[in-house]
N, C-alpha and C. Protein backbone atom coordinates (compact mmCIF):
# COMPACT_ATOMS: atom_id res chain seq x y z
N MET A 1 134.26 102.03 111.20
CA MET A 1 134.47 102.58 109.91
C MET A 1 133.74 103.89 109.97
N ASP A 2 133.42 104.16 111.42
CA ASP A 2 132.77 105.80 111.93
C ASP A 2 133.82 106.97 111.51
N ALA A 3 135.36 106.61 111.60
CA ALA A 3 135.84 107.31 111.21
C ALA A 3 136.44 107.85 109.79
N PHE A 4 135.90 106.41 108.75
CA PHE A 4 135.89 106.94 107.65
C PHE A 4 135.70 108.34 106.97
N LEU A 5 134.20 108.24 106.81
CA LEU A 5 133.92 109.48 106.37
C LEU A 5 134.43 111.21 106.70
N PRO A 6 134.10 111.37 108.38
CA PRO A 6 134.73 112.34 108.84
C PRO A 6 136.54 112.70 108.45
N ALA A 7 137.25 111.31 108.47
CA ALA A 7 138.44 111.79 107.87
C ALA A 7 138.53 111.84 106.26
N LEU A 8 137.60 111.35 105.47
CA LEU A 8 137.70 111.69 104.10
C LEU A 8 137.19 113.16 104.07
N VAL A 9 136.37 113.89 104.45
CA VAL A 9 135.84 114.90 104.14
C VAL A 9 137.28 115.82 104.65
N THR A 10 137.91 115.87 105.96
CA THR A 10 139.00 116.45 106.45
C THR A 10 140.32 116.66 105.66
N PHE A 11 140.77 115.27 105.07
CA PHE A 11 141.35 115.17 103.88
C PHE A 11 141.24 115.59 102.74
N PHE A 12 139.98 115.55 102.45
CA PHE A 12 139.92 116.37 100.84
C PHE A 12 139.81 117.99 101.13
N VAL A 13 139.58 118.50 102.23
CA VAL A 13 139.43 120.02 102.39
C VAL A 13 140.74 120.27 102.55
N ILE A 14 141.77 119.29 103.41
CA ILE A 14 142.84 119.92 103.65
C ILE A 14 144.16 119.60 102.32
N ILE A 15 144.00 118.79 101.44
CA ILE A 15 144.68 118.39 100.98
C ILE A 15 144.68 119.03 99.16
N ASP A 16 142.77 119.47 99.09
CA ASP A 16 142.31 120.17 98.39
C ASP A 16 142.95 119.98 96.64
N PRO A 17 142.61 118.98 96.02
CA PRO A 17 142.78 118.25 94.91
C PRO A 17 142.48 119.14 93.94
N ILE A 18 141.44 119.34 94.13
CA ILE A 18 140.96 120.40 92.53
C ILE A 18 141.79 121.97 92.82
N GLY A 19 142.23 122.09 94.27
CA GLY A 19 143.15 123.29 94.17
C GLY A 19 144.54 123.04 93.63
N ILE A 20 144.95 122.02 93.77
CA ILE A 20 146.46 121.49 93.51
C ILE A 20 146.74 121.55 92.27
N ALA A 21 145.23 121.15 91.42
CA ALA A 21 145.51 120.48 89.81
C ALA A 21 146.25 121.84 89.14
N PRO A 22 145.40 123.01 89.25
CA PRO A 22 146.25 123.38 88.19
C PRO A 22 147.28 124.26 88.62
N VAL A 23 147.50 124.21 89.84
CA VAL A 23 149.40 124.35 89.83
C VAL A 23 150.05 123.24 89.34
N PHE A 24 149.82 122.04 89.44
CA PHE A 24 150.23 120.75 88.70
C PHE A 24 150.71 121.52 87.08
N ALA A 25 149.31 122.10 86.61
CA ALA A 25 149.72 122.04 85.05
C ALA A 25 150.40 123.30 85.11
N THR A 26 150.46 124.11 85.51
CA THR A 26 151.29 125.31 85.44
C THR A 26 152.81 124.59 85.40
N LEU A 27 153.11 124.01 86.37
CA LEU A 27 154.39 123.98 86.95
C LEU A 27 154.97 122.42 85.81
N THR A 28 154.24 121.76 85.14
CA THR A 28 154.60 121.42 84.22
C THR A 28 154.02 121.44 82.85
N GLU A 29 153.89 122.90 82.55
CA GLU A 29 153.76 123.60 81.37
C GLU A 29 154.36 123.28 80.30
N GLY A 30 154.76 123.04 79.37
CA GLY A 30 155.45 122.56 77.98
C GLY A 30 156.17 120.89 78.14
N ALA A 31 155.67 120.40 79.23
CA ALA A 31 156.42 118.95 79.28
C ALA A 31 155.88 118.09 78.59
N SER A 32 155.83 116.81 78.09
CA SER A 32 155.37 115.86 77.67
C SER A 32 154.35 115.21 78.52
N ARG A 33 153.52 114.37 77.70
CA ARG A 33 152.42 113.64 78.73
C ARG A 33 152.91 112.77 79.51
N ALA A 34 154.27 111.46 78.74
CA ALA A 34 154.56 111.02 79.41
C ALA A 34 155.32 111.21 80.89
N HIS A 35 155.76 112.66 80.77
CA HIS A 35 156.57 113.36 81.95
C HIS A 35 155.30 113.71 82.90
N ARG A 36 154.54 114.04 82.19
CA ARG A 36 153.04 114.41 83.23
C ARG A 36 152.78 113.54 84.03
N ILE A 37 152.39 112.29 83.46
CA ILE A 37 151.92 110.80 84.00
C ILE A 37 152.73 110.64 84.96
N ARG A 38 154.42 110.55 84.69
CA ARG A 38 155.50 110.02 85.70
C ARG A 38 155.38 110.97 86.79
N MET A 39 155.13 112.30 87.05
CA MET A 39 155.16 113.34 88.06
C MET A 39 154.17 112.81 88.73
N ALA A 40 152.68 113.20 87.79
CA ALA A 40 151.51 112.84 89.17
C ALA A 40 151.64 111.06 89.60
N VAL A 41 151.98 110.17 89.22
CA VAL A 41 152.18 109.34 89.87
C VAL A 41 153.22 109.37 91.00
N ARG A 42 154.51 109.67 90.41
CA ARG A 42 155.15 109.57 91.81
C ARG A 42 155.04 110.33 92.97
N ALA A 43 154.48 111.57 92.77
CA ALA A 43 154.17 112.16 93.71
C ALA A 43 153.02 111.94 94.41
N THR A 44 152.35 111.21 93.84
CA THR A 44 151.07 110.14 94.75
C THR A 44 151.45 109.90 95.36
N VAL A 45 152.26 108.41 95.13
CA VAL A 45 153.41 107.45 95.57
C VAL A 45 154.07 108.17 96.74
N LEU A 46 154.48 109.08 96.67
CA LEU A 46 155.26 109.24 97.69
C LEU A 46 154.51 110.26 98.52
N ALA A 47 153.34 110.85 98.44
CA ALA A 47 152.63 111.54 99.27
C ALA A 47 152.11 110.62 99.86
N ALA A 48 151.64 109.10 99.52
CA ALA A 48 150.90 108.20 100.45
C ALA A 48 151.90 107.61 101.00
N LEU A 49 152.93 107.39 100.83
CA LEU A 49 154.51 106.53 101.90
C LEU A 49 154.89 107.94 102.73
N ILE A 50 154.49 109.15 102.39
CA ILE A 50 155.21 110.22 103.73
C ILE A 50 153.95 110.20 104.65
N LEU A 51 152.91 110.38 104.51
CA LEU A 51 151.53 110.30 104.91
C LEU A 51 151.52 109.09 105.88
N THR A 52 151.71 108.13 105.54
CA THR A 52 151.83 106.36 106.15
C THR A 52 152.95 106.63 106.79
N GLY A 53 153.89 106.96 106.69
CA GLY A 53 155.15 106.93 107.57
C GLY A 53 154.99 108.06 108.83
N PHE A 54 154.14 108.99 108.74
CA PHE A 54 153.84 110.22 109.87
C PHE A 54 152.84 109.49 110.12
N ALA A 55 151.69 108.45 109.36
CA ALA A 55 150.66 108.17 110.68
C ALA A 55 151.26 107.00 111.92
N TYR A 56 152.05 106.17 111.53
CA TYR A 56 152.71 105.25 112.23
C TYR A 56 154.11 106.11 113.18
N GLY A 57 154.33 106.64 112.56
CA GLY A 57 155.77 106.80 113.55
C GLY A 57 156.38 108.49 113.70
N GLY A 58 155.53 109.77 113.05
CA GLY A 58 155.36 111.20 113.39
C GLY A 58 155.69 111.68 114.36
N ALA A 59 154.87 111.53 115.74
CA ALA A 59 154.99 112.08 116.53
C ALA A 59 156.14 111.56 117.17
N TYR A 60 156.51 110.18 117.15
CA TYR A 60 158.01 109.75 117.55
C TYR A 60 159.33 110.33 117.25
N LEU A 61 159.28 110.85 115.72
CA LEU A 61 160.30 111.29 115.02
C LEU A 61 160.36 112.74 115.26
N LEU A 62 159.38 113.37 115.09
CA LEU A 62 159.60 115.05 115.54
C LEU A 62 159.77 115.08 116.85
N GLY A 63 159.18 114.17 117.93
CA GLY A 63 159.73 114.32 119.40
C GLY A 63 160.98 114.35 119.32
N ALA A 64 161.39 112.98 118.66
CA ALA A 64 162.91 112.70 119.16
C ALA A 64 163.95 113.62 118.52
N MET A 65 163.76 114.28 117.69
CA MET A 65 164.64 115.51 117.05
C MET A 65 164.42 116.36 117.50
N GLY A 66 163.14 116.68 118.77
CA GLY A 66 162.96 117.78 119.36
C GLY A 66 162.37 119.03 118.34
N ILE A 67 161.93 118.27 117.21
CA ILE A 67 160.77 119.67 116.37
C ILE A 67 159.30 119.75 116.45
N SER A 68 159.12 120.98 116.68
CA SER A 68 157.84 120.52 116.66
C SER A 68 156.61 120.86 115.64
N LEU A 69 155.23 120.70 115.51
CA LEU A 69 154.69 120.39 114.44
C LEU A 69 154.48 121.96 113.85
N ASP A 70 154.78 122.86 114.56
CA ASP A 70 154.65 123.97 114.16
C ASP A 70 155.82 124.58 113.72
N ALA A 71 157.10 123.94 113.77
CA ALA A 71 158.11 124.31 113.21
C ALA A 71 158.17 123.56 112.00
N PHE A 72 157.53 122.23 111.92
CA PHE A 72 157.28 122.03 110.39
C PHE A 72 156.32 122.86 109.48
N ARG A 73 155.46 123.28 109.89
CA ARG A 73 154.07 124.17 109.47
C ARG A 73 155.26 125.12 109.04
N GLY A 74 155.87 125.63 109.85
CA GLY A 74 156.77 127.11 109.36
C GLY A 74 157.63 126.71 108.22
N ALA A 75 158.71 125.98 108.52
CA ALA A 75 159.40 125.20 107.43
C ALA A 75 158.70 125.29 105.78
N GLY A 76 157.57 124.29 106.18
CA GLY A 76 156.69 124.14 104.96
C GLY A 76 156.28 125.52 103.96
N GLY A 77 155.64 126.34 105.22
CA GLY A 77 155.63 127.87 104.67
C GLY A 77 156.47 128.64 103.92
N VAL A 78 157.77 128.59 104.48
CA VAL A 78 159.10 129.03 103.57
C VAL A 78 158.96 128.69 102.27
N LEU A 79 159.08 127.29 102.05
CA LEU A 79 159.64 126.49 100.80
C LEU A 79 158.22 126.79 100.07
N LEU A 80 157.18 126.60 100.38
CA LEU A 80 155.79 127.15 99.50
C LEU A 80 156.27 128.56 98.98
N PHE A 81 156.57 129.76 99.72
CA PHE A 81 156.87 130.84 99.56
C PHE A 81 157.75 130.88 98.08
N LEU A 82 158.60 130.62 98.16
CA LEU A 82 159.84 130.35 96.93
C LEU A 82 159.10 129.59 95.85
N ILE A 83 158.57 128.73 95.83
CA ILE A 83 157.63 128.02 94.57
C ILE A 83 156.65 129.32 94.01
N ALA A 84 155.86 129.79 94.74
CA ALA A 84 155.10 130.99 94.36
C ALA A 84 155.95 131.79 94.20
N MET A 85 157.10 132.22 94.35
CA MET A 85 157.79 133.60 93.92
C MET A 85 157.78 132.90 92.52
N ASP A 86 158.53 131.73 92.21
CA ASP A 86 159.00 131.43 90.93
C ASP A 86 157.72 131.16 89.71
N MET A 87 156.60 131.40 90.43
CA MET A 87 155.18 131.04 89.63
C MET A 87 155.20 132.20 89.55
N ILE A 88 155.08 133.31 90.25
CA ILE A 88 154.45 134.85 90.16
C ILE A 88 155.32 135.53 88.99
N PHE A 89 156.65 135.24 89.02
CA PHE A 89 157.79 135.99 88.24
C PHE A 89 158.38 135.12 86.79
N GLU A 90 157.53 133.87 86.79
CA GLU A 90 158.15 133.05 85.51
C GLU A 90 159.27 132.68 85.27
N LYS A 91 160.01 132.81 86.40
CA LYS A 91 161.41 131.98 86.80
C LYS A 91 161.42 130.60 85.64
N ARG A 92 160.39 129.91 86.28
CA ARG A 92 160.44 128.50 85.53
C ARG A 92 160.29 128.45 83.91
N SER A 93 159.43 130.06 83.02
CA SER A 93 159.37 129.74 81.94
C SER A 93 160.49 130.16 81.03
N GLU A 94 161.26 131.00 82.11
CA GLU A 94 162.47 131.33 81.66
C GLU A 94 163.52 130.65 81.41
N ARG A 95 163.66 129.49 82.33
CA ARG A 95 164.63 128.61 82.37
C ARG A 95 164.07 127.28 81.37
N ARG A 96 162.96 127.33 81.10
CA ARG A 96 162.45 126.61 79.94
C ARG A 96 162.67 126.97 78.88
N GLU A 97 162.88 128.20 78.37
CA GLU A 97 162.84 128.82 77.16
C GLU A 97 164.39 128.81 76.88
N LYS A 98 165.43 128.61 77.75
CA LYS A 98 166.60 128.68 77.64
C LYS A 98 166.91 126.54 77.21
N ARG A 99 166.47 126.00 78.02
CA ARG A 99 166.56 124.66 77.46
C ARG A 99 166.19 124.34 76.19
N THR A 100 165.62 125.05 75.53
CA THR A 100 164.92 124.83 74.17
C THR A 100 165.71 125.06 72.99
N SER A 101 166.91 125.97 73.39
CA SER A 101 168.07 126.18 72.20
C SER A 101 169.25 124.89 72.18
N ASP A 102 168.77 124.12 73.23
CA ASP A 102 169.33 122.54 72.98
C ASP A 102 168.84 121.30 73.21
N PHE A 103 168.73 120.71 71.61
CA PHE A 103 167.80 119.38 71.69
C PHE A 103 167.93 118.31 73.02
N GLN A 104 169.11 118.43 73.81
CA GLN A 104 169.30 117.33 74.05
C GLN A 104 168.73 117.86 75.96
N GLU A 105 169.20 119.26 76.40
CA GLU A 105 168.06 119.93 77.52
C GLU A 105 167.04 120.26 77.39
N LYS A 106 166.47 120.16 76.16
CA LYS A 106 165.06 119.97 76.23
C LYS A 106 164.08 118.76 76.22
N HIS A 107 165.26 117.50 76.73
CA HIS A 107 164.29 116.25 76.31
C HIS A 107 164.68 115.90 77.81
N HIS A 108 166.06 116.53 78.53
CA HIS A 108 166.15 116.39 79.97
C HIS A 108 164.99 116.55 80.78
N GLU A 109 164.27 116.15 80.93
CA GLU A 109 162.92 116.34 81.95
C GLU A 109 163.44 116.22 83.09
N ALA A 110 164.46 115.42 83.71
CA ALA A 110 164.77 114.91 84.96
C ALA A 110 164.88 116.32 85.84
N ALA A 111 165.42 117.25 85.35
CA ALA A 111 166.01 118.44 85.49
C ALA A 111 164.52 119.19 86.19
N SER A 112 163.26 119.18 85.51
CA SER A 112 162.15 119.86 85.83
C SER A 112 161.09 118.58 86.96
N ASP A 113 161.82 117.96 87.84
CA ASP A 113 161.12 116.56 88.89
C ASP A 113 160.64 117.52 89.61
N ILE A 114 159.11 117.82 89.76
CA ILE A 114 158.34 118.37 90.52
C ILE A 114 157.59 117.42 91.49
N SER A 115 158.01 116.10 91.62
CA SER A 115 157.27 114.99 92.23
C SER A 115 157.21 115.00 93.71
N VAL A 116 158.12 115.13 94.11
CA VAL A 116 159.16 115.36 95.75
C VAL A 116 158.51 116.71 95.91
N PHE A 117 159.03 117.62 95.60
CA PHE A 117 158.75 119.17 95.88
C PHE A 117 158.65 120.07 94.64
N PRO A 118 156.96 120.32 94.69
CA PRO A 118 156.53 120.84 95.50
C PRO A 118 155.02 119.81 96.04
N MET A 119 155.26 118.86 94.49
CA MET A 119 154.01 118.20 94.74
C MET A 119 153.55 117.34 95.88
N ALA A 120 154.30 116.13 95.94
CA ALA A 120 154.45 115.75 97.11
C ALA A 120 154.37 116.33 98.75
N ILE A 121 155.10 117.44 98.63
CA ILE A 121 155.23 117.61 99.93
C ILE A 121 156.03 119.13 99.58
N PRO A 122 155.41 120.42 99.99
CA PRO A 122 154.10 120.03 100.49
C PRO A 122 152.55 120.15 100.38
N LEU A 123 152.22 120.39 99.06
CA LEU A 123 151.09 120.32 98.43
C LEU A 123 150.15 119.38 98.68
N MET A 124 150.84 118.05 98.71
CA MET A 124 150.01 116.76 98.88
C MET A 124 149.85 116.57 100.11
N ALA A 125 150.87 116.28 100.34
CA ALA A 125 151.41 115.46 102.16
C ALA A 125 152.01 117.05 102.80
N GLY A 126 151.01 117.73 102.98
CA GLY A 126 152.25 118.96 103.69
C GLY A 126 151.80 119.10 105.47
N PRO A 127 152.33 120.15 106.06
CA PRO A 127 151.87 119.81 107.03
C PRO A 127 150.47 119.87 107.87
N GLY A 128 149.68 120.28 107.02
CA GLY A 128 148.45 120.25 107.47
C GLY A 128 147.18 118.33 107.64
N ALA A 129 148.05 118.03 106.31
CA ALA A 129 147.77 117.12 106.00
C ALA A 129 148.50 115.57 106.99
N ILE A 130 149.59 116.19 107.33
CA ILE A 130 150.59 115.41 107.92
C ILE A 130 150.01 115.29 109.51
N ALA A 131 149.28 116.46 110.00
CA ALA A 131 148.76 116.57 111.47
C ALA A 131 147.75 116.07 111.39
N THR A 132 146.75 116.31 110.58
CA THR A 132 145.68 115.62 110.32
C THR A 132 145.73 114.10 110.27
N ILE A 133 146.76 113.32 109.66
CA ILE A 133 146.59 112.17 109.50
C ILE A 133 147.30 111.25 111.22
N MET A 134 148.11 112.31 111.63
CA MET A 134 148.66 111.86 112.96
C MET A 134 147.30 112.25 114.19
N LEU A 135 146.67 113.31 113.95
CA LEU A 135 145.45 113.57 115.09
C LEU A 135 144.15 112.11 114.86
N TYR A 136 144.34 111.71 113.81
CA TYR A 136 143.32 110.90 113.23
C TYR A 136 143.63 109.54 113.94
N MET A 137 145.10 109.42 114.04
CA MET A 137 145.61 107.84 114.36
C MET A 137 145.85 107.81 115.73
N LYS A 138 145.92 109.11 116.59
CA LYS A 138 145.92 109.06 117.74
C LYS A 138 144.78 109.27 118.56
N GLN A 139 143.45 108.99 117.33
CA GLN A 139 142.24 109.08 117.81
C GLN A 139 141.63 107.49 117.65
N ALA A 140 142.30 107.23 116.97
CA ALA A 140 141.94 105.72 116.62
C ALA A 140 142.78 104.46 117.45
N GLY A 141 143.76 105.15 118.10
CA GLY A 141 144.25 104.15 119.57
C GLY A 141 144.96 102.54 118.96
N GLY A 142 144.87 101.72 119.39
CA GLY A 142 145.07 100.43 119.01
C GLY A 142 143.82 99.91 118.38
N ASP A 143 142.62 100.55 117.41
CA ASP A 143 141.53 99.78 116.98
C ASP A 143 142.30 99.99 115.77
N ALA A 144 142.38 98.88 115.00
CA ALA A 144 142.97 98.69 113.94
C ALA A 144 141.82 98.57 112.56
N GLN A 145 140.95 98.54 112.83
CA GLN A 145 139.82 98.80 111.77
C GLN A 145 139.81 100.62 111.90
N SER A 146 139.82 101.26 112.84
CA SER A 146 139.65 102.44 112.52
C SER A 146 141.11 103.08 112.05
N GLN A 147 141.98 102.60 112.19
CA GLN A 147 143.34 102.96 111.73
C GLN A 147 143.52 102.62 110.26
N MET A 148 142.85 101.43 109.79
CA MET A 148 142.63 101.45 108.24
C MET A 148 141.59 102.43 107.34
N ALA A 149 140.52 102.53 108.37
CA ALA A 149 139.71 103.69 107.80
C ALA A 149 140.16 105.07 107.83
N VAL A 150 141.21 105.42 108.61
CA VAL A 150 141.93 107.07 108.28
C VAL A 150 143.06 106.31 107.16
N LEU A 151 143.80 105.87 107.31
CA LEU A 151 144.52 105.49 105.81
C LEU A 151 143.71 105.45 104.47
N GLY A 152 142.44 104.59 104.59
CA GLY A 152 141.64 104.36 103.47
C GLY A 152 141.11 105.69 103.33
N ALA A 153 140.96 106.86 104.13
CA ALA A 153 140.30 107.69 103.92
C ALA A 153 141.30 108.42 102.89
N ALA A 154 142.50 108.36 103.66
CA ALA A 154 143.41 109.45 103.02
C ALA A 154 143.94 109.11 101.51
N GLY A 155 144.07 107.71 101.46
CA GLY A 155 144.03 106.78 100.18
C GLY A 155 143.58 107.45 99.06
N ALA A 156 142.28 107.53 99.69
CA ALA A 156 140.74 108.15 98.39
C ALA A 156 141.33 109.29 98.35
N VAL A 157 141.55 110.18 98.81
CA VAL A 157 141.47 111.61 98.41
C VAL A 157 142.57 111.54 97.60
N LEU A 158 143.94 110.89 97.84
CA LEU A 158 145.29 110.77 96.98
C LEU A 158 144.85 110.19 95.69
N LEU A 159 143.93 108.84 95.51
CA LEU A 159 143.69 108.52 94.25
C LEU A 159 143.06 109.59 93.37
N LEU A 160 142.05 110.41 94.32
CA LEU A 160 140.93 111.48 93.24
C LEU A 160 141.92 112.35 93.16
N CYS A 161 143.22 112.69 93.63
CA CYS A 161 144.25 113.79 93.42
C CYS A 161 145.17 113.40 91.70
N LEU A 162 145.17 111.54 92.16
CA LEU A 162 146.06 111.46 90.98
C LEU A 162 145.14 111.79 89.58
N THR A 163 143.92 110.90 89.94
CA THR A 163 142.57 111.20 88.83
C THR A 163 142.77 112.57 88.35
N VAL A 164 142.66 113.65 89.16
CA VAL A 164 142.64 115.18 88.79
C VAL A 164 143.89 115.46 87.91
N LEU A 165 145.20 115.22 88.56
CA LEU A 165 146.39 115.46 87.94
C LEU A 165 146.26 114.98 86.52
N LEU A 166 146.27 114.14 86.32
CA LEU A 166 146.33 113.16 84.69
C LEU A 166 145.00 113.78 83.86
N LEU A 167 144.34 113.92 84.02
CA LEU A 167 142.93 115.20 83.50
C LEU A 167 143.21 116.71 83.35
N VAL A 168 143.82 117.12 84.34
CA VAL A 168 144.11 118.39 84.07
C VAL A 168 145.17 119.05 82.95
N GLY A 169 145.68 118.63 82.55
CA GLY A 169 146.95 118.88 81.32
C GLY A 169 146.15 119.06 79.88
N PRO A 170 145.43 118.13 79.26
CA PRO A 170 144.81 118.49 78.28
C PRO A 170 143.86 119.64 78.70
N ILE A 171 143.46 119.85 79.62
CA ILE A 171 142.46 120.70 79.86
C ILE A 171 142.81 122.20 79.89
N MET A 172 143.83 122.13 80.63
CA MET A 172 144.72 123.37 80.69
C MET A 172 145.02 123.65 79.12
N ARG A 173 145.58 122.86 78.33
CA ARG A 173 146.35 123.30 77.10
C ARG A 173 145.17 124.11 76.38
N LEU A 174 144.21 123.58 76.53
CA LEU A 174 142.84 124.08 75.43
C LEU A 174 142.51 125.94 75.87
N VAL A 175 142.95 126.17 77.09
CA VAL A 175 142.70 127.32 77.23
C VAL A 175 143.78 128.48 77.04
N GLY A 176 144.88 127.80 76.39
CA GLY A 176 145.89 128.92 75.80
C GLY A 176 147.36 129.55 76.71
N ASP A 177 147.76 129.88 76.11
CA ASP A 177 149.04 130.30 76.61
C ASP A 177 148.81 131.24 77.56
N THR A 178 148.21 132.27 77.06
CA THR A 178 148.21 133.67 77.78
C THR A 178 147.00 133.18 79.29
N VAL A 179 146.17 132.68 79.19
CA VAL A 179 145.42 132.10 80.09
C VAL A 179 145.96 131.49 81.19
N ALA A 180 146.78 130.43 80.33
CA ALA A 180 147.61 129.65 81.21
C ALA A 180 148.46 130.35 82.35
N GLN A 181 149.42 131.28 81.28
CA GLN A 181 150.21 132.15 82.21
C GLN A 181 149.10 133.37 83.49
N THR A 182 148.45 133.54 83.04
CA THR A 182 147.31 134.51 83.71
C THR A 182 147.21 133.52 84.82
N ILE A 183 146.95 132.21 84.98
CA ILE A 183 146.07 131.43 86.24
C ILE A 183 147.36 130.87 86.62
N GLY A 184 148.65 130.84 86.33
CA GLY A 184 149.44 130.86 86.95
C GLY A 184 150.14 131.51 87.91
N ARG A 185 150.30 132.74 87.56
CA ARG A 185 150.47 134.04 88.23
C ARG A 185 149.18 134.11 89.66
N ILE A 186 148.56 134.08 89.03
CA ILE A 186 147.37 134.19 90.02
C ILE A 186 147.53 133.37 91.17
N LEU A 187 147.90 131.78 90.86
CA LEU A 187 147.59 130.51 92.05
C LEU A 187 149.23 131.24 92.70
N GLY A 188 150.14 131.76 91.83
CA GLY A 188 151.36 131.59 92.95
C GLY A 188 150.93 132.92 93.71
N VAL A 189 150.29 134.04 93.59
CA VAL A 189 149.99 134.91 94.74
C VAL A 189 149.21 134.26 95.77
N ILE A 190 148.14 133.32 95.28
CA ILE A 190 147.32 132.39 96.16
C ILE A 190 148.23 131.57 97.05
N LEU A 191 149.25 131.08 96.26
CA LEU A 191 149.95 130.47 97.15
C LEU A 191 151.08 130.89 98.18
N ALA A 192 151.43 131.58 97.82
CA ALA A 192 152.26 133.02 98.64
C ALA A 192 151.60 133.73 99.83
N ALA A 193 150.41 133.43 99.86
CA ALA A 193 149.37 133.98 100.61
C ALA A 193 149.21 132.46 101.64
N LEU A 194 149.00 131.28 101.03
CA LEU A 194 148.88 130.33 101.79
C LEU A 194 150.41 129.92 102.53
N ALA A 195 151.38 130.26 102.34
CA ALA A 195 152.47 129.90 102.84
C ALA A 195 152.91 131.29 103.75
N VAL A 196 152.58 132.45 104.07
CA VAL A 196 152.52 133.41 104.59
C VAL A 196 151.41 132.87 105.72
N GLN A 197 150.38 132.30 105.43
CA GLN A 197 149.55 132.02 106.64
C GLN A 197 150.10 130.68 107.50
N LEU A 198 150.57 129.98 106.80
CA LEU A 198 151.44 128.97 107.50
C LEU A 198 152.44 129.39 108.34
N ILE A 199 153.19 130.44 108.01
CA ILE A 199 154.09 130.67 108.59
C ILE A 199 153.56 131.76 110.01
N PHE A 200 152.66 132.23 109.71
CA PHE A 200 151.73 133.34 110.97
C PHE A 200 151.19 132.52 111.82
N ASP A 201 150.90 130.94 111.30
CA ASP A 201 150.05 130.16 112.07
C ASP A 201 151.23 129.16 113.20
N ALA A 202 152.10 129.51 112.61
CA ALA A 202 153.40 128.55 113.24
C ALA A 202 153.76 129.69 114.19
N ILE A 203 153.89 130.60 113.83
CA ILE A 203 154.33 131.56 115.14
C ILE A 203 153.66 132.25 116.11
N GLY A 204 152.09 132.10 115.57
CA GLY A 204 151.40 132.51 116.80
C GLY A 204 150.97 131.23 117.40
N ASN A 205 151.39 129.83 117.17
CA ASN A 205 150.87 128.72 118.06
C ASN A 205 151.85 128.91 118.93
N THR A 206 153.52 129.34 118.24
CA THR A 206 154.43 128.99 119.18
C THR A 206 154.70 130.03 120.32
N PHE A 207 154.30 131.27 120.22
CA PHE A 207 154.46 132.40 121.03
C PHE A 207 153.09 132.69 121.63
N GLY A 208 151.88 131.92 121.20
CA GLY A 208 150.28 132.18 121.81
C GLY A 208 149.71 133.39 121.45
N VAL A 209 150.51 133.64 120.27
CA VAL A 209 149.70 134.99 120.09
C VAL A 209 148.12 134.70 119.55
């Protein structure tokens, strides 16, 4: 169990449940409570499956495909940057306003499914979290107790994510549309910066800059 606390702290910093909560609120703005709950639960489950899969087979999979972890990090940065642009220029708000003209489209929430991307990956189970769980599992070696400690730490942080995501909706609604839109644009800029940093890190590690 010596690996649990260090892994817990590392996963908490990397995944940042508090940081992704406002992003979730912005991306699901205007959706029903049932849709928010479904997105939060689905994203958490998918993130858990992704991290578990990479914990046991990530190194083999990337190696077999000839993909470096830095290439994976760079791809995650590009995808995250695209989402950030959507948030900054409120493209999602424009699409949502168009859907309100038709009752059926207004309630067709599958079109705004954000559980896989960007919530599960790259926000909850992104390159940083994947690299972290692969590193800790490698350090655990064949010790089953240490492996369970690492998985337990990741699971605890994901459960915290789920709790925060379920509670953030009502809180964000209280602040009003104007403040929510402002927060969304600020978060979009922050996400864009994070995406660029991921790309820079990938390039720097690849070329030894």
